[in-house]
């Protein structure tokens, strides 16, 4: 079983984290809760608000969360302030170093870029963030037409709903196409009827 830890912060984009949360929890549910254990983490564990005001109570803080095998860094307007917080960057770096997979969704790539983790790698982000990511991570190879890019341990996805695609890709990578397709069909995602 893989522990999936999703970083939450004020002004996070809702679907950036809710999409991957849905993919990994549904996959686990459909397979007797044996594949993924999914939880959310914020810096202090207190309630946060998404970009459009939805209140979320994270499961853990930086101080008390379980080991993270799959680290998810979502995006949102809040990434602009989070990338200036030394404690946040240190936590991301430490958990990335210890993870099996780290993935960003949308402008979450800003945080990885700020840490230099995208240097020399192909990556992507939301189309409106690409210019800013070039400033933050001038050594990154930013691709404008990819839904997501898998570099092995570190992957990035384009804007908002693309996090679902990357999460399904990671599910397939870890557990095979049949498991991933079962999730696609349950979620009625993409061309799911062609899988029946």
N, C-alpha and C. Protein backbone atom coordinates (compact mmCIF):
# COMPACT_ATOMS: atom_id res chain seq x y z
N UNK A 1 0.84 -1.19 0.00
CA UNK A 1 0.00 0.00 0.00
C UNK A 1 0.89 1.25 0.00
N UNK A 2 0.47 2.25 -0.77
CA UNK A 2 1.19 3.51 -0.85
C UNK A 2 0.45 4.60 -0.06
N UNK A 3 1.20 5.32 0.75
CA UNK A 3 0.65 6.49 1.44
C UNK A 3 0.71 7.70 0.51
N UNK A 4 -0.44 8.29 0.25
CA UNK A 4 -0.53 9.46 -0.62
C UNK A 4 -0.79 10.69 0.24
N UNK A 5 0.19 11.58 0.30
CA UNK A 5 0.06 12.80 1.09
C UNK A 5 -0.15 14.01 0.20
N UNK A 6 -1.23 14.74 0.42
CA UNK A 6 -1.57 15.90 -0.39
C UNK A 6 -1.37 17.17 0.42
N UNK A 7 -0.51 18.04 -0.04
CA UNK A 7 -0.22 19.30 0.63
C UNK A 7 -1.37 20.28 0.40
N UNK A 8 -1.88 20.87 1.48
CA UNK A 8 -2.94 21.87 1.37
C UNK A 8 -2.47 23.19 1.97
N UNK A 9 -2.99 24.28 1.44
CA UNK A 9 -2.61 25.62 1.88
C UNK A 9 -3.73 26.57 1.49
N UNK A 10 -3.76 27.75 2.10
CA UNK A 10 -4.79 28.72 1.75
C UNK A 10 -4.67 29.13 0.29
N UNK A 11 -5.82 29.26 -0.35
CA UNK A 11 -5.92 29.61 -1.77
C UNK A 11 -5.38 28.51 -2.68
N UNK A 12 -5.55 27.26 -2.25
CA UNK A 12 -5.26 26.12 -3.11
C UNK A 12 -6.42 26.00 -4.11
N UNK A 13 -6.12 25.57 -5.32
CA UNK A 13 -7.17 25.33 -6.33
C UNK A 13 -7.87 24.02 -5.98
N UNK A 14 -9.18 24.08 -5.84
CA UNK A 14 -9.95 22.95 -5.33
C UNK A 14 -9.74 21.65 -6.12
N UNK A 15 -9.94 21.69 -7.42
CA UNK A 15 -9.84 20.46 -8.21
C UNK A 15 -8.40 19.96 -8.31
N UNK A 16 -7.44 20.84 -8.10
CA UNK A 16 -6.03 20.43 -8.13
C UNK A 16 -5.75 19.33 -7.11
N UNK A 17 -6.39 19.42 -5.94
CA UNK A 17 -6.18 18.36 -4.96
C UNK A 17 -7.35 17.39 -4.88
N UNK A 18 -8.58 17.88 -5.15
CA UNK A 18 -9.74 17.01 -5.06
C UNK A 18 -9.76 15.97 -6.18
N UNK A 19 -9.25 16.33 -7.36
CA UNK A 19 -9.18 15.36 -8.47
C UNK A 19 -8.28 14.18 -8.13
N UNK A 20 -7.01 14.43 -7.77
CA UNK A 20 -6.16 13.32 -7.35
C UNK A 20 -6.70 12.57 -6.13
N UNK A 21 -7.27 13.30 -5.17
CA UNK A 21 -7.85 12.66 -4.00
C UNK A 21 -8.91 11.64 -4.43
N UNK A 22 -9.75 12.05 -5.36
CA UNK A 22 -10.81 11.15 -5.86
C UNK A 22 -10.22 9.93 -6.55
N UNK A 23 -9.24 10.13 -7.41
CA UNK A 23 -8.64 9.01 -8.15
C UNK A 23 -8.06 7.98 -7.18
N UNK A 24 -7.23 8.44 -6.26
CA UNK A 24 -6.54 7.49 -5.39
C UNK A 24 -7.46 6.85 -4.37
N UNK A 25 -8.45 7.59 -3.85
CA UNK A 25 -9.37 6.99 -2.88
C UNK A 25 -10.34 6.03 -3.56
N UNK A 26 -10.82 6.38 -4.75
CA UNK A 26 -11.72 5.48 -5.49
C UNK A 26 -10.98 4.21 -5.87
N UNK A 27 -9.75 4.35 -6.34
CA UNK A 27 -8.96 3.17 -6.70
C UNK A 27 -8.84 2.24 -5.51
N UNK A 28 -8.56 2.81 -4.36
CA UNK A 28 -8.42 1.98 -3.16
C UNK A 28 -9.76 1.35 -2.76
N UNK A 29 -10.82 2.14 -2.82
CA UNK A 29 -12.15 1.63 -2.48
C UNK A 29 -12.56 0.46 -3.37
N UNK A 30 -12.29 0.58 -4.65
CA UNK A 30 -12.68 -0.46 -5.60
C UNK A 30 -11.84 -1.72 -5.47
N UNK A 31 -10.77 -1.64 -4.69
CA UNK A 31 -9.86 -2.78 -4.52
C UNK A 31 -9.64 -3.10 -3.05
N UNK A 32 -10.74 -3.08 -2.30
CA UNK A 32 -10.76 -3.47 -0.89
C UNK A 32 -9.82 -2.65 0.00
N UNK A 33 -9.64 -1.39 -0.37
CA UNK A 33 -8.84 -0.45 0.44
C UNK A 33 -7.41 -0.94 0.68
N UNK A 34 -6.84 -1.60 -0.32
CA UNK A 34 -5.51 -2.17 -0.17
C UNK A 34 -4.42 -1.43 -0.94
N UNK A 35 -4.77 -0.49 -1.80
CA UNK A 35 -3.77 0.06 -2.71
C UNK A 35 -3.20 1.41 -2.27
N UNK A 36 -4.05 2.31 -1.79
CA UNK A 36 -3.61 3.64 -1.39
C UNK A 36 -4.25 4.05 -0.07
N UNK A 37 -3.49 4.72 0.75
CA UNK A 37 -4.02 5.41 1.93
C UNK A 37 -3.79 6.90 1.68
N UNK A 38 -4.87 7.66 1.59
CA UNK A 38 -4.80 9.06 1.15
C UNK A 38 -5.11 9.99 2.32
N UNK A 39 -4.28 11.02 2.48
CA UNK A 39 -4.51 12.00 3.54
C UNK A 39 -4.00 13.36 3.11
N UNK A 40 -4.48 14.39 3.81
CA UNK A 40 -4.09 15.77 3.52
C UNK A 40 -3.23 16.32 4.65
N UNK A 41 -2.32 17.24 4.27
CA UNK A 41 -1.38 17.81 5.23
C UNK A 41 -1.27 19.31 4.97
N UNK A 42 -1.39 20.10 6.02
CA UNK A 42 -1.09 21.53 5.92
C UNK A 42 0.02 21.86 6.91
N UNK A 43 0.55 23.06 6.80
CA UNK A 43 1.68 23.41 7.65
C UNK A 43 1.37 23.26 9.14
N UNK A 44 0.21 23.80 9.55
CA UNK A 44 -0.11 23.75 10.98
C UNK A 44 -1.31 22.86 11.31
N UNK A 45 -1.88 22.21 10.30
CA UNK A 45 -3.01 21.31 10.53
C UNK A 45 -4.35 22.01 10.72
N UNK A 46 -4.36 23.33 10.65
CA UNK A 46 -5.60 24.08 10.86
C UNK A 46 -6.37 24.22 9.55
N UNK A 47 -7.63 24.60 9.68
CA UNK A 47 -8.51 24.78 8.53
C UNK A 47 -7.90 25.73 7.50
N UNK A 48 -8.06 25.37 6.24
CA UNK A 48 -7.63 26.25 5.15
C UNK A 48 -8.83 26.52 4.25
N UNK A 49 -8.69 27.54 3.40
CA UNK A 49 -9.74 27.87 2.42
C UNK A 49 -9.17 27.74 1.03
N UNK A 50 -9.95 27.11 0.15
CA UNK A 50 -9.54 27.00 -1.24
C UNK A 50 -9.73 28.35 -1.95
N UNK A 51 -9.30 28.42 -3.18
CA UNK A 51 -9.37 29.65 -3.97
C UNK A 51 -10.77 30.28 -3.93
N UNK A 52 -11.79 29.47 -4.03
CA UNK A 52 -13.14 30.00 -4.07
C UNK A 52 -13.88 29.91 -2.74
N UNK A 53 -13.12 29.69 -1.66
CA UNK A 53 -13.69 29.81 -0.33
C UNK A 53 -14.13 28.54 0.37
N UNK A 54 -14.01 27.38 -0.27
CA UNK A 54 -14.40 26.15 0.41
C UNK A 54 -13.43 25.89 1.57
N UNK A 55 -13.98 25.61 2.75
CA UNK A 55 -13.17 25.36 3.92
C UNK A 55 -12.83 23.88 4.00
N UNK A 56 -11.57 23.57 4.28
CA UNK A 56 -11.11 22.20 4.37
C UNK A 56 -10.32 22.04 5.65
N UNK A 57 -10.57 20.95 6.38
CA UNK A 57 -9.81 20.65 7.58
C UNK A 57 -8.81 19.54 7.25
N UNK A 58 -7.53 19.86 7.16
CA UNK A 58 -6.52 18.84 6.82
C UNK A 58 -6.47 17.74 7.88
N UNK A 59 -6.00 16.58 7.45
CA UNK A 59 -5.87 15.44 8.37
C UNK A 59 -4.69 15.59 9.32
N UNK A 60 -3.61 16.22 8.83
CA UNK A 60 -2.38 16.29 9.60
C UNK A 60 -1.68 17.63 9.40
N UNK A 61 -0.70 17.88 10.27
CA UNK A 61 0.21 19.02 10.11
C UNK A 61 1.57 18.49 9.68
N UNK A 62 2.50 19.40 9.44
CA UNK A 62 3.87 19.01 9.07
C UNK A 62 4.51 18.17 10.18
N UNK A 63 4.03 18.32 11.40
CA UNK A 63 4.68 17.67 12.55
C UNK A 63 4.20 16.26 12.84
N UNK A 64 3.03 15.85 12.30
CA UNK A 64 2.48 14.58 12.78
C UNK A 64 1.92 13.67 11.68
N UNK A 65 2.27 13.91 10.43
CA UNK A 65 1.71 13.08 9.35
C UNK A 65 2.49 11.78 9.19
N UNK A 66 1.84 10.75 8.63
CA UNK A 66 2.55 9.50 8.33
C UNK A 66 3.60 9.70 7.23
N UNK A 67 4.42 8.70 7.04
CA UNK A 67 5.36 8.69 5.93
C UNK A 67 4.61 8.87 4.62
N UNK A 68 5.20 9.61 3.69
CA UNK A 68 4.55 9.87 2.40
C UNK A 68 5.30 9.16 1.28
N UNK A 69 4.60 8.26 0.58
CA UNK A 69 5.18 7.57 -0.57
C UNK A 69 4.93 8.36 -1.86
N UNK A 70 3.74 8.93 -1.98
CA UNK A 70 3.37 9.74 -3.14
C UNK A 70 3.01 11.13 -2.63
N UNK A 71 3.84 12.10 -2.96
CA UNK A 71 3.65 13.48 -2.51
C UNK A 71 2.98 14.28 -3.61
N UNK A 72 1.85 14.91 -3.29
CA UNK A 72 1.11 15.70 -4.28
C UNK A 72 1.16 17.17 -3.88
N UNK A 73 1.64 17.99 -4.81
CA UNK A 73 1.72 19.44 -4.61
C UNK A 73 0.73 20.09 -5.58
N UNK A 74 -0.45 20.47 -5.10
CA UNK A 74 -1.42 21.13 -5.97
C UNK A 74 -1.06 22.59 -6.19
N UNK A 75 -1.80 23.24 -7.07
CA UNK A 75 -1.56 24.64 -7.37
C UNK A 75 -2.66 25.53 -6.82
N UNK A 76 -2.71 26.72 -7.37
CA UNK A 76 -3.66 27.73 -6.93
C UNK A 76 -2.93 29.03 -6.67
N UNK A 77 -3.68 30.11 -6.51
CA UNK A 77 -3.07 31.42 -6.28
C UNK A 77 -2.17 31.42 -5.06
N UNK A 78 -2.46 30.54 -4.09
CA UNK A 78 -1.68 30.48 -2.87
C UNK A 78 -0.24 30.03 -3.06
N UNK A 79 0.07 29.43 -4.20
CA UNK A 79 1.46 28.99 -4.42
C UNK A 79 2.42 30.18 -4.45
N UNK A 80 1.93 31.35 -4.82
CA UNK A 80 2.80 32.53 -4.87
C UNK A 80 3.33 32.88 -3.48
N UNK A 81 2.49 32.73 -2.46
CA UNK A 81 2.96 33.02 -1.10
C UNK A 81 3.66 31.82 -0.47
N UNK A 82 3.19 30.60 -0.79
CA UNK A 82 3.82 29.40 -0.22
C UNK A 82 5.27 29.26 -0.66
N UNK A 83 5.59 29.69 -1.88
CA UNK A 83 6.96 29.54 -2.37
C UNK A 83 7.94 30.48 -1.69
N UNK A 84 7.42 31.38 -0.87
CA UNK A 84 8.27 32.30 -0.12
C UNK A 84 8.47 31.85 1.33
N UNK A 85 7.84 30.75 1.71
CA UNK A 85 7.92 30.26 3.08
C UNK A 85 9.00 29.18 3.21
N UNK A 86 10.04 29.50 3.93
CA UNK A 86 11.17 28.59 4.06
C UNK A 86 10.76 27.25 4.66
N UNK A 87 9.87 27.29 5.67
CA UNK A 87 9.42 26.05 6.31
C UNK A 87 8.66 25.14 5.35
N UNK A 88 7.87 25.74 4.48
CA UNK A 88 7.13 24.97 3.47
C UNK A 88 8.09 24.33 2.48
N UNK A 89 9.04 25.12 1.98
CA UNK A 89 10.00 24.60 1.01
C UNK A 89 10.84 23.48 1.61
N UNK A 90 11.25 23.65 2.85
CA UNK A 90 12.05 22.60 3.51
C UNK A 90 11.23 21.32 3.66
N UNK A 91 9.95 21.47 4.02
CA UNK A 91 9.09 20.28 4.16
C UNK A 91 8.91 19.57 2.82
N UNK A 92 8.66 20.34 1.77
CA UNK A 92 8.49 19.73 0.45
C UNK A 92 9.77 19.01 0.04
N UNK A 93 10.90 19.66 0.22
CA UNK A 93 12.17 19.04 -0.18
C UNK A 93 12.43 17.75 0.58
N UNK A 94 12.22 17.78 1.89
CA UNK A 94 12.46 16.59 2.70
C UNK A 94 11.54 15.45 2.29
N UNK A 95 10.26 15.76 2.09
CA UNK A 95 9.30 14.71 1.74
C UNK A 95 9.47 14.24 0.30
N UNK A 96 9.92 15.12 -0.58
CA UNK A 96 10.26 14.69 -1.94
C UNK A 96 11.44 13.72 -1.89
N UNK A 97 12.45 14.06 -1.11
CA UNK A 97 13.63 13.18 -1.01
C UNK A 97 13.27 11.80 -0.50
N UNK A 98 12.26 11.72 0.36
CA UNK A 98 11.86 10.45 0.96
C UNK A 98 10.74 9.74 0.21
N UNK A 99 10.12 10.42 -0.75
CA UNK A 99 8.98 9.83 -1.47
C UNK A 99 9.46 8.89 -2.57
N UNK A 100 8.55 8.06 -3.02
CA UNK A 100 8.80 7.25 -4.22
C UNK A 100 8.42 8.05 -5.47
N UNK A 101 7.37 8.87 -5.33
CA UNK A 101 6.87 9.70 -6.43
C UNK A 101 6.46 11.05 -5.85
N UNK A 102 6.83 12.12 -6.55
CA UNK A 102 6.32 13.46 -6.25
C UNK A 102 5.64 13.98 -7.50
N UNK A 103 4.45 14.54 -7.36
CA UNK A 103 3.76 15.09 -8.52
C UNK A 103 3.19 16.46 -8.17
N UNK A 104 3.26 17.35 -9.15
CA UNK A 104 2.61 18.65 -8.99
C UNK A 104 1.43 18.73 -9.94
N UNK A 105 0.47 19.53 -9.55
CA UNK A 105 -0.69 19.80 -10.40
C UNK A 105 -0.73 21.30 -10.63
N UNK A 106 -0.89 21.69 -11.89
CA UNK A 106 -1.09 23.10 -12.21
C UNK A 106 0.08 23.94 -11.70
N UNK A 107 -0.20 25.05 -11.03
CA UNK A 107 0.85 25.95 -10.57
C UNK A 107 1.61 25.45 -9.35
N UNK A 108 1.30 24.23 -8.89
CA UNK A 108 2.12 23.60 -7.87
C UNK A 108 3.56 23.45 -8.34
N UNK A 109 3.75 23.47 -9.66
CA UNK A 109 5.11 23.40 -10.23
C UNK A 109 5.97 24.56 -9.77
N UNK A 110 5.34 25.68 -9.39
CA UNK A 110 6.12 26.81 -8.87
C UNK A 110 6.98 26.39 -7.68
N UNK A 111 6.40 25.61 -6.79
CA UNK A 111 7.10 25.20 -5.58
C UNK A 111 8.27 24.27 -5.91
N UNK A 112 8.05 23.36 -6.85
CA UNK A 112 9.14 22.48 -7.27
C UNK A 112 10.22 23.27 -7.99
N UNK A 113 9.80 24.22 -8.81
CA UNK A 113 10.75 25.06 -9.53
C UNK A 113 11.58 25.91 -8.59
N UNK A 114 10.96 26.46 -7.57
CA UNK A 114 11.67 27.29 -6.59
C UNK A 114 12.76 26.50 -5.89
N UNK A 115 12.53 25.21 -5.70
CA UNK A 115 13.50 24.34 -5.04
C UNK A 115 14.59 23.83 -5.99
N UNK A 116 14.47 24.15 -7.28
CA UNK A 116 15.44 23.66 -8.25
C UNK A 116 15.20 22.23 -8.69
N UNK A 117 14.08 21.65 -8.29
CA UNK A 117 13.82 20.24 -8.60
C UNK A 117 13.46 20.01 -10.07
N UNK A 118 13.11 21.08 -10.79
CA UNK A 118 12.76 20.95 -12.20
C UNK A 118 13.94 21.23 -13.13
N UNK A 119 15.08 21.61 -12.57
CA UNK A 119 16.24 21.95 -13.39
C UNK A 119 16.65 20.78 -14.28
N UNK A 120 16.73 21.05 -15.58
CA UNK A 120 17.14 20.03 -16.53
C UNK A 120 16.08 19.03 -16.90
N UNK A 121 14.88 19.17 -16.32
CA UNK A 121 13.79 18.22 -16.60
C UNK A 121 12.72 18.86 -17.47
N UNK A 122 12.08 18.03 -18.29
CA UNK A 122 10.88 18.46 -18.98
C UNK A 122 9.75 18.55 -17.96
N UNK A 123 8.94 19.59 -18.06
CA UNK A 123 7.85 19.77 -17.11
C UNK A 123 6.75 20.59 -17.76
N UNK A 124 5.61 20.65 -17.08
CA UNK A 124 4.51 21.46 -17.57
C UNK A 124 3.76 22.06 -16.38
N UNK A 125 2.86 22.97 -16.68
CA UNK A 125 2.06 23.63 -15.66
C UNK A 125 0.84 24.25 -16.34
N UNK A 126 0.04 24.97 -15.62
CA UNK A 126 -1.11 25.68 -16.19
C UNK A 126 -0.61 26.65 -17.26
N UNK A 127 -1.37 26.79 -18.33
CA UNK A 127 -0.92 27.62 -19.46
C UNK A 127 -0.69 29.08 -19.05
N UNK A 128 -1.41 29.56 -18.05
CA UNK A 128 -1.23 30.95 -17.62
C UNK A 128 -0.05 31.14 -16.66
N UNK A 129 0.57 30.05 -16.26
CA UNK A 129 1.67 30.10 -15.29
C UNK A 129 3.03 29.85 -15.94
N UNK A 130 3.02 29.45 -17.20
CA UNK A 130 4.28 29.06 -17.85
C UNK A 130 5.33 30.17 -17.85
N UNK A 131 4.90 31.40 -18.08
CA UNK A 131 5.84 32.52 -18.08
C UNK A 131 6.48 32.71 -16.72
N UNK A 132 5.67 32.62 -15.68
CA UNK A 132 6.20 32.77 -14.32
C UNK A 132 7.13 31.61 -13.96
N UNK A 133 6.77 30.39 -14.39
CA UNK A 133 7.62 29.24 -14.10
C UNK A 133 8.98 29.38 -14.80
N UNK A 134 8.98 29.98 -15.99
CA UNK A 134 10.26 30.21 -16.68
C UNK A 134 11.16 31.15 -15.87
N UNK A 135 10.55 32.13 -15.20
CA UNK A 135 11.33 33.04 -14.36
C UNK A 135 11.85 32.32 -13.11
N UNK A 136 11.00 31.51 -12.51
CA UNK A 136 11.36 30.80 -11.27
C UNK A 136 12.40 29.72 -11.54
N UNK A 137 12.22 28.99 -12.64
CA UNK A 137 13.06 27.82 -12.94
C UNK A 137 13.60 27.92 -14.36
N UNK A 138 14.55 28.84 -14.60
CA UNK A 138 15.05 29.05 -15.96
C UNK A 138 15.76 27.83 -16.56
N UNK A 139 16.18 26.88 -15.73
CA UNK A 139 16.86 25.68 -16.22
C UNK A 139 15.89 24.54 -16.54
N UNK A 140 14.62 24.72 -16.23
CA UNK A 140 13.61 23.71 -16.54
C UNK A 140 13.28 23.75 -18.03
N UNK A 141 12.88 22.62 -18.56
CA UNK A 141 12.48 22.51 -19.97
C UNK A 141 10.95 22.45 -19.99
N UNK A 142 10.34 23.60 -20.19
CA UNK A 142 8.88 23.70 -20.06
C UNK A 142 8.20 23.36 -21.38
N UNK A 143 7.31 22.39 -21.32
CA UNK A 143 6.56 21.93 -22.48
C UNK A 143 5.15 22.50 -22.42
N UNK A 144 4.70 23.07 -23.53
CA UNK A 144 3.41 23.77 -23.52
C UNK A 144 2.23 22.91 -23.98
N UNK A 145 2.48 21.76 -24.56
CA UNK A 145 1.39 20.98 -25.14
C UNK A 145 1.11 19.66 -24.44
N UNK A 146 1.75 19.40 -23.33
CA UNK A 146 1.58 18.13 -22.65
C UNK A 146 0.54 18.22 -21.54
N UNK A 147 -0.28 17.18 -21.44
CA UNK A 147 -1.26 17.09 -20.35
C UNK A 147 -0.53 16.81 -19.04
N UNK A 148 0.49 15.98 -19.11
CA UNK A 148 1.37 15.72 -17.97
C UNK A 148 2.70 15.18 -18.49
N UNK A 149 3.70 15.23 -17.64
CA UNK A 149 5.03 14.71 -17.98
C UNK A 149 5.53 13.88 -16.81
N UNK A 150 5.93 12.64 -17.11
CA UNK A 150 6.43 11.71 -16.11
C UNK A 150 7.94 11.60 -16.25
N UNK A 151 8.66 12.07 -15.25
CA UNK A 151 10.12 11.97 -15.24
C UNK A 151 10.60 10.86 -14.30
N UNK A 152 9.74 9.92 -14.01
CA UNK A 152 10.11 8.87 -13.07
C UNK A 152 9.66 9.23 -11.68
N UNK A 153 10.60 9.66 -10.84
CA UNK A 153 10.24 10.03 -9.47
C UNK A 153 9.43 11.31 -9.42
N UNK A 154 9.67 12.23 -10.34
CA UNK A 154 9.00 13.53 -10.31
C UNK A 154 8.18 13.74 -11.58
N UNK A 155 6.90 14.08 -11.38
CA UNK A 155 6.00 14.32 -12.51
C UNK A 155 5.27 15.63 -12.31
N UNK A 156 4.90 16.25 -13.43
CA UNK A 156 4.12 17.49 -13.38
C UNK A 156 2.92 17.36 -14.31
N UNK A 157 1.86 18.09 -13.99
CA UNK A 157 0.70 18.10 -14.88
C UNK A 157 0.33 19.53 -15.21
N UNK A 158 -0.41 19.66 -16.27
CA UNK A 158 -0.90 20.97 -16.70
C UNK A 158 -2.01 21.42 -15.75
N UNK A 159 -2.86 22.33 -16.21
CA UNK A 159 -3.80 22.98 -15.32
C UNK A 159 -4.95 22.13 -14.81
N UNK A 160 -5.24 22.29 -13.56
CA UNK A 160 -6.43 21.90 -12.81
C UNK A 160 -6.87 20.46 -13.08
N UNK A 161 -7.69 20.20 -14.09
CA UNK A 161 -8.21 18.85 -14.31
C UNK A 161 -7.14 17.87 -14.77
N UNK A 162 -6.01 18.36 -15.25
CA UNK A 162 -4.93 17.47 -15.71
C UNK A 162 -4.36 16.64 -14.56
N UNK A 163 -4.58 17.08 -13.33
CA UNK A 163 -4.14 16.29 -12.18
C UNK A 163 -4.84 14.94 -12.12
N UNK A 164 -6.05 14.87 -12.63
CA UNK A 164 -6.77 13.60 -12.69
C UNK A 164 -6.06 12.67 -13.66
N UNK A 165 -5.67 13.19 -14.81
CA UNK A 165 -4.97 12.38 -15.81
C UNK A 165 -3.67 11.83 -15.25
N UNK A 166 -2.90 12.69 -14.58
CA UNK A 166 -1.62 12.24 -14.03
C UNK A 166 -1.84 11.22 -12.92
N UNK A 167 -2.85 11.42 -12.10
CA UNK A 167 -3.13 10.46 -11.03
C UNK A 167 -3.54 9.10 -11.59
N UNK A 168 -4.34 9.09 -12.65
CA UNK A 168 -4.70 7.83 -13.30
C UNK A 168 -3.46 7.18 -13.94
N UNK A 169 -2.59 7.99 -14.51
CA UNK A 169 -1.34 7.47 -15.08
C UNK A 169 -0.48 6.82 -14.00
N UNK A 170 -0.36 7.46 -12.86
CA UNK A 170 0.44 6.89 -11.76
C UNK A 170 -0.20 5.61 -11.24
N UNK A 171 -1.52 5.60 -11.15
CA UNK A 171 -2.22 4.37 -10.74
C UNK A 171 -1.91 3.24 -11.71
N UNK A 172 -1.97 3.53 -13.00
CA UNK A 172 -1.67 2.51 -14.01
C UNK A 172 -0.21 2.07 -13.93
N UNK A 173 0.67 3.00 -13.71
CA UNK A 173 2.10 2.71 -13.60
C UNK A 173 2.38 1.76 -12.43
N UNK A 174 1.69 1.98 -11.32
CA UNK A 174 1.93 1.19 -10.12
C UNK A 174 1.17 -0.13 -10.10
N UNK A 175 -0.05 -0.13 -10.64
CA UNK A 175 -0.91 -1.30 -10.48
C UNK A 175 -1.46 -1.89 -11.78
N UNK A 176 -1.15 -1.27 -12.91
CA UNK A 176 -1.57 -1.84 -14.19
C UNK A 176 -2.81 -1.19 -14.78
N UNK A 177 -2.99 -1.45 -16.07
CA UNK A 177 -4.06 -0.79 -16.83
C UNK A 177 -5.44 -1.23 -16.37
N UNK A 178 -5.61 -2.48 -15.96
CA UNK A 178 -6.94 -2.95 -15.55
C UNK A 178 -7.44 -2.21 -14.31
N UNK A 179 -6.55 -2.02 -13.35
CA UNK A 179 -6.91 -1.30 -12.12
C UNK A 179 -7.25 0.15 -12.45
N UNK A 180 -6.42 0.78 -13.29
CA UNK A 180 -6.66 2.18 -13.65
C UNK A 180 -7.96 2.32 -14.43
N UNK A 181 -8.23 1.40 -15.33
CA UNK A 181 -9.46 1.47 -16.13
C UNK A 181 -10.71 1.25 -15.28
N UNK A 182 -10.60 0.43 -14.26
CA UNK A 182 -11.73 0.24 -13.35
C UNK A 182 -12.08 1.58 -12.68
N UNK A 183 -11.05 2.33 -12.31
CA UNK A 183 -11.27 3.64 -11.71
C UNK A 183 -11.86 4.61 -12.72
N UNK A 184 -11.32 4.63 -13.95
CA UNK A 184 -11.85 5.50 -15.01
C UNK A 184 -13.34 5.24 -15.23
N UNK A 185 -13.71 3.97 -15.29
CA UNK A 185 -15.11 3.62 -15.54
C UNK A 185 -16.00 4.06 -14.37
N UNK A 186 -15.55 3.82 -13.16
CA UNK A 186 -16.34 4.22 -12.00
C UNK A 186 -16.54 5.74 -11.97
N UNK A 187 -15.48 6.47 -12.30
CA UNK A 187 -15.54 7.94 -12.30
C UNK A 187 -16.19 8.49 -13.56
N UNK A 188 -16.46 7.61 -14.55
CA UNK A 188 -16.98 8.05 -15.86
C UNK A 188 -16.09 9.14 -16.43
N UNK A 189 -14.79 8.88 -16.42
CA UNK A 189 -13.81 9.89 -16.84
C UNK A 189 -13.29 9.60 -18.24
N UNK A 190 -13.23 10.64 -19.06
CA UNK A 190 -12.71 10.49 -20.42
C UNK A 190 -13.57 9.57 -21.26
N UNK A 191 -12.94 8.76 -22.08
CA UNK A 191 -13.66 7.83 -22.97
C UNK A 191 -13.94 6.50 -22.25
N UNK A 192 -14.50 6.60 -21.06
CA UNK A 192 -14.68 5.41 -20.22
C UNK A 192 -15.60 4.36 -20.85
N UNK A 193 -16.56 4.79 -21.70
CA UNK A 193 -17.48 3.82 -22.31
C UNK A 193 -16.77 2.89 -23.27
N UNK A 194 -15.66 3.34 -23.84
CA UNK A 194 -14.88 2.48 -24.74
C UNK A 194 -14.17 1.37 -23.99
N UNK A 195 -14.14 1.46 -22.66
CA UNK A 195 -13.46 0.45 -21.83
C UNK A 195 -14.39 -0.68 -21.44
N UNK A 196 -15.71 -0.48 -21.64
CA UNK A 196 -16.68 -1.49 -21.21
C UNK A 196 -16.57 -2.75 -22.06
